[in-house]
C-alpha atoms as a PDB file:
ATOM      1  CA  MET A   1      40.402 -81.823 -17.670  1.00  0.00           C
ATOM      2  CA  ALA A   2      39.452 -82.929 -21.003  1.00  0.00           C
ATOM      3  CA  ASP A   3      37.196 -79.811 -21.712  1.00  0.00           C
ATOM      4  CA  ILE A   4      40.381 -77.541 -20.785  1.00  0.00           C
ATOM      5  CA  ILE A   5      42.406 -79.677 -23.221  1.00  0.00           C
ATOM      6  CA  ASN A   6      39.947 -79.586 -25.928  1.00  0.00           C
ATOM      7  CA  ALA A   7      39.568 -75.827 -25.714  1.00  0.00           C
ATOM      8  CA  THR A   8      43.166 -74.953 -25.521  1.00  0.00           C
ATOM      9  CA  GLY A   9      43.633 -77.218 -28.572  1.00  0.00           C
ATOM     10  CA  ALA A  10      40.780 -75.222 -30.486  1.00  0.00           C
ATOM     11  CA  ALA A  11      42.325 -71.985 -29.314  1.00  0.00           C
ATOM     12  CA  GLY A  12      45.925 -73.276 -30.640  1.00  0.00           C
ATOM     13  CA  GLY A  13      44.168 -74.168 -34.021  1.00  0.00           C
ATOM     14  CA  LEU A  14      42.435 -70.864 -34.490  1.00  0.00           C
ATOM     15  CA  GLY A  15      45.434 -69.098 -33.539  1.00  0.00           C
ATOM     16  CA  GLY A  16      47.720 -71.356 -35.904  1.00  0.00           C
ATOM     17  CA  PHE A  17      45.056 -70.450 -38.776  1.00  0.00           C
ATOM     18  CA  PHE A  18      45.169 -66.850 -38.205  1.00  0.00           C
ATOM     19  CA  GLN A  19      49.121 -66.799 -38.284  1.00  0.00           C
ATOM     20  CA  SER A  20      49.113 -68.922 -41.365  1.00  0.00           C
ATOM     21  CA  ILE A  21      47.129 -66.274 -43.100  1.00  0.00           C
ATOM     22  CA  ALA A  22      49.379 -63.545 -41.909  1.00  0.00           C
ATOM     23  CA  GLU A  23      52.548 -65.510 -42.754  1.00  0.00           C
ATOM     24  CA  SER A  24      50.831 -66.056 -46.274  1.00  0.00           C
ATOM     25  CA  ILE A  25      50.267 -62.126 -46.636  1.00  0.00           C
ATOM     26  CA  MET A  26      53.926 -61.342 -45.606  1.00  0.00           C
ATOM     27  CA  THR A  27      55.185 -63.453 -48.041  1.00  0.00           C
ATOM     28  CA  GLN A  28      53.132 -62.216 -50.902  1.00  0.00           C
ATOM     29  CA  ILE A  29      53.776 -58.645 -50.516  1.00  0.00           C
ATOM     30  CA  PRO A  30      56.765 -58.431 -52.857  1.00  0.00           C
ATOM     31  CA  PHE A  31      54.376 -60.195 -55.506  1.00  0.00           C
ATOM     32  CA  TRP A  32      51.616 -57.459 -54.932  1.00  0.00           C
ATOM     33  CA  GLN A  33      54.192 -54.525 -54.764  1.00  0.00           C
ATOM     34  CA  ASP A  34      56.511 -55.909 -57.621  1.00  0.00           C
ATOM     35  CA  VAL A  35      54.018 -57.883 -60.067  1.00  0.00           C
ATOM     36  CA  LEU A  36      50.524 -57.618 -59.345  1.00  0.00           C
ATOM     37  CA  LEU A  37      50.011 -53.668 -58.482  1.00  0.00           C
ATOM     38  CA  PRO A  38      51.980 -52.477 -61.464  1.00  0.00           C
ATOM     39  CA  ALA A  39      50.358 -54.579 -63.757  1.00  0.00           C
ATOM     40  CA  LEU A  40      46.785 -53.486 -62.526  1.00  0.00           C
ATOM     41  CA  TRP A  41      47.860 -49.849 -62.487  1.00  0.00           C
ATOM     42  CA  ASP A  42      48.743 -50.162 -66.275  1.00  0.00           C
ATOM     43  CA  GLY A  43      45.232 -51.863 -66.860  1.00  0.00           C
ATOM     44  CA  LEU A  44      43.506 -49.255 -65.002  1.00  0.00           C
ATOM     45  CA  TRP A  45      44.682 -46.598 -67.383  1.00  0.00           C
ATOM     46  CA  VAL A  46      43.346 -48.561 -70.252  1.00  0.00           C
ATOM     47  CA  THR A  47      40.129 -49.018 -68.560  1.00  0.00           C
ATOM     48  CA  MET A  48      39.744 -45.470 -67.887  1.00  0.00           C
ATOM     49  CA  GLN A  49      40.877 -44.529 -71.629  1.00  0.00           C
ATOM     50  CA  LEU A  50      37.634 -46.815 -72.449  1.00  0.00           C
ATOM     51  CA  VAL A  51      35.312 -45.215 -70.108  1.00  0.00           C
ATOM     52  CA  VAL A  52      36.217 -41.693 -70.659  1.00  0.00           C
ATOM     53  CA  MET A  53      36.161 -41.903 -74.417  1.00  0.00           C
ATOM     54  CA  THR A  54      32.951 -43.888 -74.431  1.00  0.00           C
ATOM     55  CA  ALA A  55      30.792 -42.065 -71.940  1.00  0.00           C
ATOM     56  CA  PRO A  56      30.488 -38.565 -73.598  1.00  0.00           C
ATOM     57  CA  LEU A  57      30.291 -40.178 -77.429  1.00  0.00           C
ATOM     58  CA  GLY A  58      27.798 -42.608 -76.130  1.00  0.00           C
ATOM     59  CA  PHE A  59      25.674 -39.944 -74.625  1.00  0.00           C
ATOM     60  CA  LEU A  60      25.925 -37.676 -77.690  1.00  0.00           C
ATOM     61  CA  PHE A  61      25.008 -40.348 -79.982  1.00  0.00           C
ATOM     62  CA  GLY A  62      22.413 -41.629 -77.486  1.00  0.00           C
ATOM     63  CA  LEU A  63      20.754 -37.613 -77.497  1.00  0.00           C
ATOM     64  CA  LEU A  64      21.137 -37.825 -81.267  1.00  0.00           C
ATOM     65  CA  VAL A  65      18.727 -41.188 -81.872  1.00  0.00           C
ATOM     66  CA  ALA A  66      16.427 -39.874 -78.811  1.00  0.00           C
ATOM     67  CA  VAL A  67      15.660 -36.806 -80.688  1.00  0.00           C
ATOM     68  CA  SER A  68      15.339 -38.576 -83.817  1.00  0.00           C
ATOM     69  CA  ARG A  69      12.858 -40.940 -82.237  1.00  0.00           C
ATOM     70  CA  VAL A  70      10.740 -38.188 -80.606  1.00  0.00           C
ATOM     71  CA  TYR A  71      11.088 -35.409 -83.623  1.00  0.00           C
ATOM     72  CA  GLY A  72      12.260 -36.981 -86.466  1.00  0.00           C
ATOM     73  CA  SER A  73      10.363 -37.539 -89.761  1.00  0.00           C
ATOM     74  CA  THR A  74       8.712 -41.280 -89.951  1.00  0.00           C
ATOM     75  CA  PRO A  75      11.691 -42.762 -92.022  1.00  0.00           C
ATOM     76  CA  VAL A  76      14.089 -41.185 -89.440  1.00  0.00           C
ATOM     77  CA  LYS A  77      11.992 -42.555 -86.359  1.00  0.00           C
ATOM     78  CA  TRP A  78      12.204 -45.982 -87.749  1.00  0.00           C
ATOM     79  CA  LEU A  79      15.980 -45.954 -88.368  1.00  0.00           C
ATOM     80  CA  ALA A  80      16.496 -44.958 -84.997  1.00  0.00           C
ATOM     81  CA  LYS A  81      14.046 -47.354 -83.403  1.00  0.00           C
ATOM     82  CA  LEU A  82      15.769 -50.266 -85.320  1.00  0.00           C
ATOM     83  CA  TYR A  83      19.102 -48.920 -84.111  1.00  0.00           C
ATOM     84  CA  VAL A  84      17.886 -49.056 -80.381  1.00  0.00           C
ATOM     85  CA  ILE A  85      16.208 -52.517 -80.997  1.00  0.00           C
ATOM     86  CA  PHE A  86      19.294 -54.095 -82.378  1.00  0.00           C
ATOM     87  CA  PHE A  87      21.956 -52.656 -80.179  1.00  0.00           C
ATOM     88  CA  ARG A  88      19.805 -53.195 -76.947  1.00  0.00           C
ATOM     89  CA  GLY A  89      19.039 -56.714 -77.968  1.00  0.00           C
ATOM     90  CA  CYS A  90      22.731 -57.519 -78.935  1.00  0.00           C
ATOM     91  CA  PRO A  91      24.814 -58.601 -75.674  1.00  0.00           C
ATOM     92  CA  PRO A  92      27.805 -56.644 -75.746  1.00  0.00           C
ATOM     93  CA  LEU A  93      29.983 -59.710 -75.692  1.00  0.00           C
ATOM     94  CA  VAL A  94      28.530 -60.838 -78.996  1.00  0.00           C
ATOM     95  CA  LEU A  95      28.683 -57.613 -80.492  1.00  0.00           C
ATOM     96  CA  LEU A  96      32.704 -57.262 -79.602  1.00  0.00           C
ATOM     97  CA  PHE A  97      33.145 -60.474 -81.140  1.00  0.00           C
ATOM     98  CA  ILE A  98      31.308 -59.263 -84.229  1.00  0.00           C
ATOM     99  CA  LEU A  99      33.292 -56.110 -84.296  1.00  0.00           C
ATOM    100  CA  TYR A 100      36.820 -57.967 -83.622  1.00  0.00           C
ATOM    101  CA  PHE A 101      36.554 -61.296 -85.302  1.00  0.00           C
ATOM    102  CA  GLY A 102      33.638 -60.941 -87.856  1.00  0.00           C
ATOM    103  CA  LEU A 103      34.589 -57.574 -89.572  1.00  0.00           C
ATOM    104  CA  PRO A 104      38.032 -58.852 -90.773  1.00  0.00           C
ATOM    105  CA  SER A 105      36.344 -61.418 -92.767  1.00  0.00           C
ATOM    106  CA  VAL A 106      34.862 -58.536 -94.900  1.00  0.00           C
ATOM    107  CA  GLY A 107      37.965 -56.495 -95.094  1.00  0.00           C
ATOM    108  CA  ILE A 108      37.390 -54.125 -91.926  1.00  0.00           C
ATOM    109  CA  VAL A 109      39.997 -54.528 -89.272  1.00  0.00           C
ATOM    110  CA  LEU A 110      39.179 -52.332 -86.410  1.00  0.00           C
ATOM    111  CA  GLY A 111      42.045 -53.604 -83.906  1.00  0.00           C
ATOM    112  CA  SER A 112      41.458 -54.575 -80.218  1.00  0.00           C
ATOM    113  CA  PHE A 113      40.991 -51.118 -78.514  1.00  0.00           C
ATOM    114  CA  MET A 114      39.078 -49.649 -81.279  1.00  0.00           C
ATOM    115  CA  SER A 115      36.563 -52.596 -81.492  1.00  0.00           C
ATOM    116  CA  ALA A 116      36.039 -52.499 -77.508  1.00  0.00           C
ATOM    117  CA  LEU A 117      35.419 -48.478 -77.815  1.00  0.00           C
ATOM    118  CA  VAL A 118      33.046 -48.985 -80.770  1.00  0.00           C
ATOM    119  CA  GLY A 119      31.253 -51.657 -79.348  1.00  0.00           C
ATOM    120  CA  PHE A 120      30.736 -49.755 -76.175  1.00  0.00           C
ATOM    121  CA  ILE A 121      29.747 -46.626 -77.782  1.00  0.00           C
ATOM    122  CA  LEU A 122      26.998 -48.288 -79.663  1.00  0.00           C
ATOM    123  CA  CYS A 123      25.440 -50.124 -76.565  1.00  0.00           C
ATOM    124  CA  ASN A 124      25.881 -47.247 -74.358  1.00  0.00           C
ATOM    125  CA  SER A 125      24.268 -44.812 -76.819  1.00  0.00           C
ATOM    126  CA  ALA A 126      21.285 -47.441 -77.333  1.00  0.00           C
ATOM    127  CA  TYR A 127      20.682 -47.382 -73.741  1.00  0.00           C
ATOM    128  CA  ASN A 128      21.075 -43.741 -73.171  1.00  0.00           C
ATOM    129  CA  SER A 129      18.884 -42.843 -75.830  1.00  0.00           C
ATOM    130  CA  GLU A 130      15.976 -44.594 -74.011  1.00  0.00           C
ATOM    131  CA  TYR A 131      16.588 -42.747 -70.936  1.00  0.00           C
ATOM    132  CA  LEU A 132      16.688 -39.586 -73.037  1.00  0.00           C
ATOM    133  CA  ARG A 133      13.589 -40.415 -75.107  1.00  0.00           C
ATOM    134  CA  GLY A 134      11.675 -40.902 -71.887  1.00  0.00           C
ATOM    135  CA  ALA A 135      12.841 -37.482 -70.683  1.00  0.00           C
ATOM    136  CA  LEU A 136      12.142 -35.667 -73.992  1.00  0.00           C
ATOM    137  CA  GLN A 137       8.525 -37.200 -73.993  1.00  0.00           C
ATOM    138  CA  SER A 138       7.979 -35.994 -70.402  1.00  0.00           C
ATOM    139  CA  ILE A 139       8.481 -32.443 -71.505  1.00  0.00           C
ATOM    140  CA  LYS A 140       4.832 -30.916 -72.128  1.00  0.00           C
ATOM    141  CA  ARG A 141       4.178 -30.219 -75.735  1.00  0.00           C
ATOM    142  CA  GLY A 142       3.207 -26.626 -74.858  1.00  0.00           C
ATOM    143  CA  GLN A 143       6.989 -25.889 -74.155  1.00  0.00           C
ATOM    144  CA  LEU A 144       7.698 -26.557 -78.020  1.00  0.00           C
ATOM    145  CA  LEU A 145       4.649 -24.685 -79.158  1.00  0.00           C
ATOM    146  CA  ALA A 146       5.468 -21.559 -77.054  1.00  0.00           C
ATOM    147  CA  ALA A 147       8.865 -21.778 -78.538  1.00  0.00           C
ATOM    148  CA  ARG A 148       7.442 -21.722 -82.018  1.00  0.00           C
ATOM    149  CA  SER A 149       5.475 -18.959 -81.094  1.00  0.00           C
ATOM    150  CA  LEU A 150       8.383 -17.012 -80.096  1.00  0.00           C
ATOM    151  CA  GLY A 151       9.714 -17.228 -83.756  1.00  0.00           C
ATOM    152  CA  MET A 152      12.121 -20.410 -83.157  1.00  0.00           C
ATOM    153  CA  THR A 153      12.222 -23.101 -85.527  1.00  0.00           C
ATOM    154  CA  LYS A 154      11.347 -26.610 -84.400  1.00  0.00           C
ATOM    155  CA  MET A 155      14.683 -27.855 -84.076  1.00  0.00           C
ATOM    156  CA  GLN A 156      15.816 -24.422 -82.173  1.00  0.00           C
ATOM    157  CA  GLY A 157      12.885 -25.159 -79.940  1.00  0.00           C
ATOM    158  CA  VAL A 158      14.037 -28.672 -79.369  1.00  0.00           C
ATOM    159  CA  LEU A 159      17.618 -27.732 -78.821  1.00  0.00           C
ATOM    160  CA  TYR A 160      17.130 -24.585 -76.727  1.00  0.00           C
ATOM    161  CA  VAL A 161      13.947 -25.257 -74.763  1.00  0.00           C
ATOM    162  CA  VAL A 162      13.067 -28.882 -74.587  1.00  0.00           C
ATOM    163  CA  VAL A 163      16.581 -30.594 -74.287  1.00  0.00           C
ATOM    164  CA  PRO A 164      17.985 -28.733 -71.663  1.00  0.00           C
ATOM    165  CA  GLN A 165      14.850 -29.673 -69.322  1.00  0.00           C
ATOM    166  CA  ALA A 166      15.111 -33.193 -70.612  1.00  0.00           C
ATOM    167  CA  LEU A 167      18.802 -33.510 -69.730  1.00  0.00           C
ATOM    168  CA  ARG A 168      17.950 -32.922 -65.920  1.00  0.00           C
ATOM    169  CA  ARG A 169      15.217 -35.240 -65.888  1.00  0.00           C
ATOM    170  CA  ALA A 170      17.140 -38.077 -67.532  1.00  0.00           C
ATOM    171  CA  LEU A 171      20.405 -37.512 -65.336  1.00  0.00           C
ATOM    172  CA  PRO A 172      19.708 -40.345 -62.951  1.00  0.00           C
ATOM    173  CA  GLY A 173      19.103 -42.795 -65.724  1.00  0.00           C
ATOM    174  CA  VAL A 174      22.147 -41.456 -67.666  1.00  0.00           C
ATOM    175  CA  SER A 175      24.155 -41.804 -64.396  1.00  0.00           C
ATOM    176  CA  ASN A 176      23.331 -45.279 -63.684  1.00  0.00           C
ATOM    177  CA  GLU A 177      24.309 -46.320 -67.245  1.00  0.00           C
ATOM    178  CA  PHE A 178      27.611 -44.713 -66.542  1.00  0.00           C
ATOM    179  CA  ILE A 179      28.060 -47.105 -63.548  1.00  0.00           C
ATOM    180  CA  TYR A 180      27.239 -50.155 -65.785  1.00  0.00           C
ATOM    181  CA  LEU A 181      29.788 -48.888 -68.461  1.00  0.00           C
ATOM    182  CA  ILE A 182      32.661 -48.947 -65.683  1.00  0.00           C
ATOM    183  CA  LYS A 183      31.639 -52.563 -65.060  1.00  0.00           C
ATOM    184  CA  TYR A 184      31.118 -53.863 -68.455  1.00  0.00           C
ATOM    185  CA  SER A 185      34.080 -52.257 -69.805  1.00  0.00           C
ATOM    186  CA  SER A 186      35.790 -55.464 -68.255  1.00  0.00           C
ATOM    187  CA  LEU A 187      34.429 -57.456 -71.447  1.00  0.00           C
ATOM    188  CA  ALA A 188      37.359 -55.773 -73.316  1.00  0.00           C
ATOM    189  CA  TYR A 189      39.853 -58.335 -72.316  1.00  0.00           C
ATOM    190  CA  VAL A 190      37.925 -61.084 -74.552  1.00  0.00           C
ATOM    191  CA  VAL A 191      39.281 -58.972 -77.524  1.00  0.00           C
ATOM    192  CA  ALA A 192      42.629 -58.823 -76.503  1.00  0.00           C
ATOM    193  CA  VAL A 193      42.440 -55.269 -74.748  1.00  0.00           C
ATOM    194  CA  ILE A 194      44.664 -55.384 -71.773  1.00  0.00           C
ATOM    195  CA  GLU A 195      42.707 -53.404 -69.313  1.00  0.00           C
ATOM    196  CA  LEU A 196      42.149 -54.167 -65.579  1.00  0.00           C
ATOM    197  CA  THR A 197      40.464 -57.633 -65.858  1.00  0.00           C
ATOM    198  CA  GLY A 198      42.762 -58.489 -68.951  1.00  0.00           C
ATOM    199  CA  ALA A 199      45.837 -57.652 -66.757  1.00  0.00           C
ATOM    200  CA  ALA A 200      44.657 -59.477 -63.738  1.00  0.00           C
ATOM    201  CA  LYS A 201      43.933 -62.650 -66.138  1.00  0.00           C
ATOM    202  CA  ILE A 202      47.813 -62.667 -67.684  1.00  0.00           C
ATOM    203  CA  ILE A 203      49.191 -62.448 -64.050  1.00  0.00           C
ATOM    204  CA  ALA A 204      46.889 -64.992 -62.563  1.00  0.00           C
ATOM    205  CA  SER A 205      47.804 -67.473 -65.360  1.00  0.00           C
ATOM    206  CA  LYS A 206      51.467 -66.853 -65.193  1.00  0.00           C
ATOM    207  CA  TYR A 207      51.846 -67.161 -61.331  1.00  0.00           C
ATOM    208  CA  PHE A 208      48.901 -69.212 -60.595  1.00  0.00           C
ATOM    209  CA  MET A 209      47.621 -66.652 -58.065  1.00  0.00           C
ATOM    210  CA  TYR A 210      43.867 -66.400 -59.116  1.00  0.00           C
ATOM    211  CA  PHE A 211      42.325 -65.591 -55.917  1.00  0.00           C
ATOM    212  CA  GLU A 212      44.835 -62.606 -55.273  1.00  0.00           C
ATOM    213  CA  ALA A 213      44.737 -61.082 -58.642  1.00  0.00           C
ATOM    214  CA  PHE A 214      41.008 -61.050 -59.279  1.00  0.00           C
ATOM    215  CA  ALA A 215      40.355 -60.246 -55.439  1.00  0.00           C
ATOM    216  CA  ALA A 216      42.548 -57.057 -56.404  1.00  0.00           C
ATOM    217  CA  VAL A 217      40.528 -56.210 -59.373  1.00  0.00           C
ATOM    218  CA  GLY A 218      37.309 -56.706 -57.535  1.00  0.00           C
ATOM    219  CA  ILE A 219      38.937 -53.864 -54.916  1.00  0.00           C
ATOM    220  CA  PHE A 220      39.784 -51.652 -58.033  1.00  0.00           C
ATOM    221  CA  TYR A 221      36.341 -51.811 -59.475  1.00  0.00           C
ATOM    222  CA  LEU A 222      34.847 -51.167 -56.124  1.00  0.00           C
ATOM    223  CA  VAL A 223      36.671 -48.063 -55.248  1.00  0.00           C
ATOM    224  CA  ILE A 224      36.226 -46.673 -58.949  1.00  0.00           C
ATOM    225  CA  VAL A 225      32.397 -47.200 -58.761  1.00  0.00           C
ATOM    226  CA  THR A 226      32.181 -45.827 -55.241  1.00  0.00           C
ATOM    227  CA  ILE A 227      34.269 -42.462 -56.299  1.00  0.00           C
ATOM    228  CA  ALA A 228      32.032 -42.345 -59.456  1.00  0.00           C
ATOM    229  CA  THR A 229      28.628 -42.831 -57.529  1.00  0.00           C
ATOM    230  CA  ILE A 230      29.806 -40.184 -55.010  1.00  0.00           C
ATOM    231  CA  GLY A 231      30.622 -37.617 -58.047  1.00  0.00           C
ATOM    232  CA  ILE A 232      27.116 -38.487 -59.484  1.00  0.00           C
ATOM    233  CA  HIS A 233      25.066 -38.034 -56.358  1.00  0.00           C
ATOM    234  CA  TRP A 234      26.863 -34.435 -56.218  1.00  0.00           C
ATOM    235  CA  ILE A 235      25.728 -33.699 -59.924  1.00  0.00           C
ATOM    236  CA  GLU A 236      22.368 -35.040 -59.372  1.00  0.00           C
ATOM    237  CA  LYS A 237      21.680 -32.853 -56.395  1.00  0.00           C
ATOM    238  CA  LYS A 238      23.562 -29.693 -57.990  1.00  0.00           C
ATOM    239  CA  TYR A 239      21.117 -30.042 -60.892  1.00  0.00           C
ATOM    240  CA  ALA A 240      18.052 -31.363 -59.686  1.00  0.00           C
ATOM    241  CA  ILE A 241      14.866 -29.761 -60.643  1.00  0.00           C
ATOM    242  CA  PRO A 242      13.179 -28.010 -57.726  1.00  0.00           C
ATOM    243  CA  GLY A 243      10.381 -29.593 -56.169  1.00  0.00           C
ATOM    244  CA  VAL A 244      11.431 -32.905 -57.273  1.00  0.00           C
ATOM    245  CA  SER A 245      13.750 -35.419 -55.810  1.00  0.00           C
ATOM    246  CA  GLY A 246      16.299 -37.467 -57.307  1.00  0.00           C
ATOM    247  CA  SER A 247      14.156 -39.992 -59.296  1.00  0.00           C
ATOM    248  CA  VAL A 248      12.115 -38.539 -62.162  1.00  0.00           C
ATOM    249  CA  GLY A 249       8.618 -37.748 -61.404  1.00  0.00           C
ATOM    250  CA  LYS A 250       8.959 -38.083 -57.698  1.00  0.00           C
ATOM    251  CA  VAL A 251       7.729 -35.018 -55.726  1.00  0.00           C
ATOM    252  CA  SER A 252       9.632 -34.288 -52.826  1.00  0.00           C
ATOM    253  CA  LYS A 253       8.064 -34.282 -49.239  1.00  0.00           C
ATOM    254  CA  GLY A 254       8.058 -30.534 -48.793  1.00  0.00           C
ATOM    255  CA  ASN A 255       5.457 -30.178 -51.397  1.00  0.00           C
END
């Protein structure tokens, strides 16, 4: 009899627990609809602006640095190498502080959004340059020599023969850096950019709903990264080098 009473009490306690959770969710629906989600949608727009502007510029600067390191003159190679060493070694958060808080002391004021954008472009380009440099160096030297024998200049051979092949080989690494960019764009809130994380922090501080706000942000990032990953896999499959699987240098089983 005592066991039956204990089991009934446990079932009742468990049922009460889930009932309290359901009631809590129901009472928070107006907060989600009227306060949290509108703020996060606004923050998402700012996040997407940062990512969409950073990704192509970071890629182009990274390609320029990579080509300079592989095919530039000795002084250009050293400048490109120092660029990579500094911006790969400097944490993005520290770089944002330098741009936003440090530069005004020498008379350069970028503003919050521009500081975040410039900082992300510098970091992104440094990492992309390493992926691209490895891909450029993986192309056999005979490719460039053959282009020169056809009357192309060295730069024409690099741009029209070597770079197109290297881009396909670097695609997995560059794609991975794009995913990282989406996630570390959340650092922009430390320089007063109201993106996803910044919007959630404001709402959480105002309404003391920290779990709800940051859980929602986590879901937003998860959805964005999942969509980006699906798109990236499609691009990698479309432009994959025949006979080579998704990772560079890994021969497919068919061969």
